[in-house]
Amino acid sequence: MIELRHLKTLVALRDSGSLVEAAERLFVTQSALSHQIKDLEDRMDCPLFVRKTKPPRFTSAGRRLLALGDEVLPMFRAAERDIKRLAGGEAGRLHICIDCHTCFQWLIPCIDKYRGDWPEVELDLTGGFNFAPLPALARGDLDLVITADPLPISGIAYIPLFRYEAMLALDRHHPLSLKEWVEPEDLSDQVLITYPVERERLDVFTRFLDPASVEPESIRTAELTPMMVQLVASGRGTACLPNWALMEYVDNQIIVARKLGEHGIWATLYAAIREDQKDAAFIEDFLATAEDTCFSNLSGIKAVNVET
């Protein structure tokens, strides 16, 4: 009576906190997701969660099925991974480059989990501030690049991991903290702290300041996210960072974060791989592990719809 898709649906609903986000994560419509849950409730002859509660409040029956899902789904995925490993018969190499240091927050737990599942894969990790990682991927020097700046390079495929909002980090007592969102002109007299990369790779310029022909008063660079946050908190400037990278500092009242424009600016983080490695089992499982780790560890991110 209970199918694997039912357990995946309930777990996604619990982990995402809403029908809309659960549907996005599972790449189905909200209507299809609701129909799946109703179908399971009809089979069980009892409700599984209380409607119109956010996050969803599960009934005793729903909690029992969630416990089953937490037990069965990892076992199912482990079996799939083992079968792929046996069928593939290859160890493989996975040299990873991260294009932004904020990725360490979820990438390190992902790699730790992956090492346990694929001990035979040769793993290496490097940062991409001092060279062009995507051409290096195309040459075969790297095997996977985490980037928010895809380039049209022949032979490279971009797998979307999640969507995130770029937000402006401010000192808690900064005058702009009184606003619900900031406009480009608000930064004309501000010090902007950025990563040491070309401005063409920074959304705060390409999608916010440049279209409005606005320049900050000055630019300061820092390689590490915690360093950028401490500079902001001490009143040394402002910084544009992903919402999920700021949540810990906002929750601890070290800084505040504000939208860039009334509707905010959303971007997508990708895993770039070579086309000829897309079907390699050890690559596929790394991407699946990365997706699980992202949604388990990060706040404020969204799944990427099929059409995006």
Protein backbone atom coordinates (compact mmCIF):
# COMPACT_ATOMS: atom_id res chain seq x y z
CA MET A 1 0.00 0.00 0.00
CA ILE A 2 2.77 2.45 0.88
CA GLU A 3 5.05 3.33 -2.01
CA LEU A 4 8.51 4.84 -1.97
CA ARG A 5 7.21 8.02 -3.63
CA HIS A 6 4.82 8.52 -0.71
CA LEU A 7 7.66 8.43 1.80
CA LYS A 8 9.72 10.83 -0.32
CA THR A 9 6.76 13.20 -0.46
CA LEU A 10 6.20 13.24 3.30
CA VAL A 11 9.90 13.69 4.06
CA ALA A 12 10.14 16.56 1.56
CA LEU A 13 7.07 18.20 3.11
CA ARG A 14 8.57 17.97 6.59
CA ASP A 15 12.03 19.15 5.57
CA SER A 16 10.85 22.05 3.39
CA GLY A 17 8.03 23.21 5.66
CA SER A 18 5.46 23.89 2.96
CA LEU A 19 3.62 22.22 0.10
CA VAL A 20 4.98 24.77 -2.39
CA GLU A 21 8.63 24.18 -1.51
CA ALA A 22 8.16 20.41 -1.23
CA ALA A 23 6.70 20.37 -4.74
CA GLU A 24 9.64 22.41 -6.05
CA ARG A 25 12.11 20.05 -4.40
CA LEU A 26 10.45 16.98 -5.93
CA PHE A 27 9.99 18.64 -9.35
CA VAL A 28 6.21 18.18 -9.39
CA THR A 29 3.32 20.62 -9.33
CA GLN A 30 1.69 21.53 -6.02
CA SER A 31 -1.52 19.95 -7.30
CA ALA A 32 0.26 16.66 -8.04
CA LEU A 33 1.87 16.70 -4.60
CA SER A 34 -1.47 17.31 -2.86
CA HIS A 35 -3.01 14.49 -4.88
CA GLN A 36 -0.21 12.14 -3.82
CA ILE A 37 -0.75 12.94 -0.14
CA LYS A 38 -4.53 12.59 -0.47
CA ASP A 39 -4.02 9.22 -2.20
CA LEU A 40 -1.87 8.01 0.69
CA GLU A 41 -4.36 9.28 3.28
CA ASP A 42 -7.13 7.42 1.46
CA ARG A 43 -5.06 4.25 1.52
CA MET A 44 -4.27 4.68 5.21
CA ASP A 45 -7.82 5.85 5.96
CA CYS A 46 -6.57 8.66 8.22
CA PRO A 47 -5.13 12.19 7.93
CA LEU A 48 -1.32 12.53 7.98
CA PHE A 49 -0.93 16.22 8.81
CA VAL A 50 -3.04 19.17 9.87
CA ARG A 51 -3.93 21.44 6.94
CA LYS A 52 -3.25 25.17 7.02
CA THR A 53 -0.43 24.90 9.56
CA LYS A 54 3.05 26.17 8.75
CA PRO A 55 5.29 24.35 9.17
CA PRO A 56 3.03 21.30 8.72
CA ARG A 57 1.98 19.62 11.96
CA PHE A 58 1.94 15.87 11.42
CA THR A 59 -0.49 13.48 13.05
CA SER A 60 0.66 10.34 14.88
CA ALA A 61 0.18 8.37 11.66
CA GLY A 62 2.17 10.93 9.71
CA ARG A 63 5.00 10.87 12.23
CA ARG A 64 5.12 7.07 12.03
CA LEU A 65 5.44 7.21 8.25
CA LEU A 66 8.14 9.87 8.55
CA ALA A 67 10.09 7.57 10.85
CA LEU A 68 9.73 4.84 8.25
CA GLY A 69 10.93 7.19 5.53
CA ASP A 70 13.97 8.24 7.59
CA GLU A 71 14.87 4.58 7.96
CA VAL A 72 14.05 3.26 4.49
CA LEU A 73 15.08 6.07 2.12
CA PRO A 74 18.78 6.10 3.14
CA MET A 75 18.87 2.30 2.85
CA PHE A 76 17.31 2.46 -0.61
CA ARG A 77 19.78 5.09 -1.77
CA ALA A 78 22.73 3.12 -0.33
CA ALA A 79 21.59 0.04 -2.24
CA GLU A 80 21.32 2.04 -5.46
CA ARG A 81 24.82 3.43 -4.90
CA ASP A 82 26.32 -0.02 -4.24
CA ILE A 83 24.71 -1.47 -7.37
CA LYS A 84 26.00 1.42 -9.49
CA ARG A 85 29.47 0.92 -8.03
CA LEU A 86 29.39 -2.79 -8.83
CA ALA A 87 28.08 -2.15 -12.33
CA GLY A 88 30.54 0.63 -13.07
CA GLY A 89 33.63 -1.09 -11.78
CA GLU A 90 35.59 2.18 -11.64
CA ALA A 91 37.12 4.12 -8.77
CA GLY A 92 37.34 7.52 -10.42
CA ARG A 93 38.84 10.87 -9.51
CA LEU A 94 36.95 13.88 -8.20
CA HIS A 95 38.98 17.07 -8.08
CA ILE A 96 36.61 19.83 -6.94
CA CYS A 97 37.02 23.59 -7.17
CA ILE A 98 34.79 26.06 -5.35
CA ASP A 99 34.24 29.43 -6.97
CA CYS A 100 33.15 31.11 -3.70
CA HIS A 101 34.30 30.45 -0.15
CA THR A 102 30.78 30.59 1.25
CA CYS A 103 30.33 27.08 -0.15
CA PHE A 104 32.46 25.60 2.64
CA GLN A 105 29.45 25.77 4.97
CA TRP A 106 27.73 22.87 3.19
CA LEU A 107 30.48 21.42 1.01
CA ILE A 108 32.66 20.13 3.84
CA PRO A 109 29.81 18.08 5.42
CA CYS A 110 28.96 16.85 1.92
CA ILE A 111 32.53 15.70 1.28
CA ASP A 112 32.73 14.03 4.70
CA LYS A 113 29.60 12.02 3.92
CA TYR A 114 30.77 11.23 0.38
CA ARG A 115 34.18 9.96 1.55
CA GLY A 116 32.44 7.37 3.68
CA ASP A 117 30.29 6.19 0.78
CA TRP A 118 33.03 6.26 -1.89
CA PRO A 119 36.38 5.64 -0.15
CA GLU A 120 37.96 4.50 -3.42
CA VAL A 121 37.40 7.85 -5.20
CA GLU A 122 40.42 10.15 -5.23
CA LEU A 123 39.13 13.43 -3.75
CA ASP A 124 40.81 16.82 -3.85
CA LEU A 125 39.56 20.35 -3.14
CA THR A 126 40.81 23.77 -4.18
CA GLY A 127 39.58 27.37 -4.34
CA GLY A 128 39.07 29.28 -7.57
CA PHE A 129 40.00 32.87 -6.69
CA ASN A 130 43.44 32.85 -8.31
CA PHE A 131 42.70 31.10 -11.62
CA ALA A 132 39.86 30.44 -14.07
CA PRO A 133 38.30 27.16 -12.88
CA LEU A 134 35.84 26.52 -15.73
CA PRO A 135 38.47 26.41 -18.51
CA ALA A 136 40.52 24.16 -16.21
CA LEU A 137 37.47 21.87 -15.93
CA ALA A 138 37.16 21.76 -19.72
CA ARG A 139 40.87 20.85 -20.02
CA GLY A 140 40.46 17.99 -17.56
CA ASP A 141 42.53 19.55 -14.76
CA LEU A 142 39.40 19.56 -12.57
CA ASP A 143 36.37 17.28 -12.42
CA LEU A 144 33.71 19.50 -10.80
CA VAL A 145 33.35 23.23 -10.17
CA ILE A 146 30.85 24.83 -7.78
CA THR A 147 29.89 28.16 -9.36
CA ALA A 148 27.16 30.77 -9.63
CA ASP A 149 28.62 32.09 -12.89
CA PRO A 150 28.09 29.54 -15.70
CA LEU A 151 29.91 30.21 -18.96
CA PRO A 152 28.97 28.73 -22.36
CA ILE A 153 31.94 26.35 -22.72
CA SER A 154 31.70 23.40 -25.07
CA GLY A 155 31.59 20.06 -23.27
CA ILE A 156 30.56 21.52 -19.90
CA ALA A 157 27.18 20.76 -18.29
CA TYR A 158 25.72 22.82 -15.44
CA ILE A 159 23.63 20.97 -12.84
CA PRO A 160 21.58 23.39 -10.68
CA LEU A 161 21.91 22.75 -6.95
CA PHE A 162 19.64 25.42 -5.46
CA ARG A 163 18.49 29.03 -5.71
CA TYR A 164 19.47 31.64 -3.15
CA GLU A 165 18.91 35.34 -2.53
CA ALA A 166 21.81 37.80 -2.62
CA MET A 167 21.40 40.20 0.32
CA LEU A 168 23.22 43.21 1.71
CA ALA A 169 24.89 42.71 5.08
CA LEU A 170 24.86 45.77 7.34
CA ASP A 171 26.05 46.80 10.77
CA ARG A 172 23.05 46.55 13.16
CA HIS A 173 23.17 50.33 13.74
CA HIS A 174 23.66 51.28 10.10
CA PRO A 175 21.12 53.88 8.83
CA LEU A 176 20.19 51.57 5.95
CA SER A 177 19.10 48.92 8.46
CA LEU A 178 15.95 50.99 9.00
CA LYS A 179 14.86 50.27 5.41
CA GLU A 180 12.99 47.15 4.30
CA TRP A 181 15.16 46.98 1.19
CA VAL A 182 17.98 49.07 -0.30
CA GLU A 183 18.17 50.80 -3.67
CA PRO A 184 21.35 51.11 -5.79
CA GLU A 185 21.68 54.81 -4.92
CA ASP A 186 21.89 53.88 -1.23
CA LEU A 187 25.36 52.40 -1.85
CA SER A 188 26.85 55.44 -3.60
CA ASP A 189 28.40 56.65 -0.33
CA GLN A 190 29.22 53.20 1.08
CA VAL A 191 32.32 51.02 1.28
CA LEU A 192 31.47 47.72 -0.45
CA ILE A 193 33.36 44.65 0.74
CA THR A 194 33.61 41.90 -1.89
CA TYR A 195 35.52 38.73 -2.67
CA PRO A 196 38.73 39.37 -4.68
CA VAL A 197 37.24 38.46 -8.06
CA GLU A 198 36.33 40.37 -11.22
CA ARG A 199 33.25 42.56 -10.78
CA GLU A 200 31.66 40.75 -13.74
CA ARG A 201 31.30 37.73 -11.40
CA LEU A 202 29.53 39.65 -8.64
CA ASP A 203 25.73 40.00 -8.74
CA VAL A 204 25.80 43.17 -6.67
CA PHE A 205 27.46 44.86 -9.66
CA THR A 206 26.01 43.06 -12.70
CA ARG A 207 22.41 42.90 -11.50
CA PHE A 208 22.11 45.80 -9.06
CA LEU A 209 24.62 48.67 -9.30
CA ASP A 210 25.72 48.59 -12.95
CA PRO A 211 22.18 48.69 -14.45
CA ALA A 212 21.56 51.82 -12.36
CA SER A 213 24.99 53.32 -13.24
CA VAL A 214 25.87 53.56 -9.55
CA GLU A 215 29.35 53.11 -8.06
CA PRO A 216 30.05 52.57 -4.36
CA GLU A 217 32.26 55.10 -2.63
CA SER A 218 35.05 52.52 -2.48
CA ILE A 219 35.65 48.76 -2.71
CA ARG A 220 37.50 46.60 -0.20
CA THR A 221 38.20 42.89 -0.67
CA ALA A 222 38.37 39.95 1.71
CA GLU A 223 38.74 36.25 0.87
CA LEU A 224 36.86 34.73 3.80
CA THR A 225 33.16 35.16 4.60
CA PRO A 226 33.69 35.41 8.40
CA MET A 227 36.23 38.18 7.80
CA MET A 228 33.73 40.05 5.61
CA VAL A 229 31.03 39.70 8.26
CA GLN A 230 33.34 40.97 11.03
CA LEU A 231 34.29 43.99 8.93
CA VAL A 232 30.60 44.73 8.37
CA ALA A 233 29.77 44.25 12.06
CA SER A 234 32.51 46.69 13.06
CA GLY A 235 31.16 49.38 10.73
CA ARG A 236 33.92 49.10 8.11
CA GLY A 237 31.54 48.66 5.18
CA THR A 238 28.70 46.67 3.64
CA ALA A 239 28.83 43.33 1.82
CA CYS A 240 26.59 41.39 -0.56
CA LEU A 241 26.44 37.71 0.38
CA PRO A 242 24.08 34.74 -0.10
CA ASN A 243 21.17 34.70 2.34
CA TRP A 244 22.09 31.25 3.65
CA ALA A 245 25.63 32.39 4.45
CA LEU A 246 24.25 35.29 6.52
CA MET A 247 21.53 33.53 8.51
CA GLU A 248 23.79 32.39 11.36
CA TYR A 249 25.13 35.92 11.88
CA VAL A 250 21.68 37.50 11.57
CA ASP A 251 20.17 35.03 14.04
CA ASN A 252 22.97 35.82 16.51
CA GLN A 253 22.30 39.56 16.03
CA ILE A 254 25.82 40.25 14.80
CA ILE A 255 24.58 41.95 11.62
CA VAL A 256 21.35 42.59 9.74
CA ALA A 257 20.54 41.71 6.12
CA ARG A 258 18.38 43.61 3.66
CA LYS A 259 17.00 42.84 0.19
CA LEU A 260 18.59 44.34 -2.91
CA GLY A 261 15.61 46.14 -4.37
CA GLU A 262 11.95 45.62 -3.58
CA HIS A 263 11.79 42.15 -5.13
CA GLY A 264 15.28 41.01 -4.19
CA ILE A 265 17.89 39.38 -6.41
CA TRP A 266 17.89 35.58 -6.72
CA ALA A 267 20.67 33.50 -8.25
CA THR A 268 21.38 29.82 -8.84
CA LEU A 269 24.35 27.80 -7.64
CA TYR A 270 25.54 25.12 -10.08
CA ALA A 271 27.79 22.12 -10.14
CA ALA A 272 29.72 22.23 -13.41
CA ILE A 273 30.94 18.91 -14.80
CA ARG A 274 32.19 17.61 -18.13
CA GLU A 275 29.52 16.14 -20.37
CA ASP A 276 31.44 12.89 -20.72
CA GLN A 277 31.24 12.32 -16.94
CA LYS A 278 27.55 13.08 -16.44
CA ASP A 279 26.58 9.42 -16.21
CA ALA A 280 29.49 8.27 -14.03
CA ALA A 281 28.03 6.69 -10.87
CA PHE A 282 30.49 8.41 -8.50
CA ILE A 283 29.64 11.81 -10.03
CA GLU A 284 25.88 11.21 -9.89
CA ASP A 285 26.07 10.19 -6.25
CA PHE A 286 28.18 13.22 -5.32
CA LEU A 287 25.52 15.49 -6.83
CA ALA A 288 22.77 13.65 -4.95
CA THR A 289 24.77 13.91 -1.70
CA ALA A 290 25.37 17.62 -2.34
CA GLU A 291 21.65 18.25 -2.84
CA ASP A 292 20.74 16.41 0.36
CA THR A 293 23.43 18.25 2.33
CA CYS A 294 22.40 21.67 1.02
CA PHE A 295 18.76 21.32 1.99
CA SER A 296 19.69 19.77 5.35
CA ASN A 297 22.18 22.48 6.33
CA LEU A 298 21.13 25.75 4.68
CA SER A 299 18.29 28.16 5.41
CA GLY A 300 16.50 30.31 2.85
CA ILE A 301 17.37 28.31 -0.27
CA LYS A 302 14.91 27.05 -2.86
CA ALA A 303 14.82 24.11 -5.23
CA VAL A 304 15.31 24.90 -8.91
CA ASN A 305 12.18 24.23 -10.97
CA VAL A 306 12.49 22.01 -14.01
CA GLU A 307 11.79 24.91 -16.34
CA THR A 308 14.55 27.03 -14.79
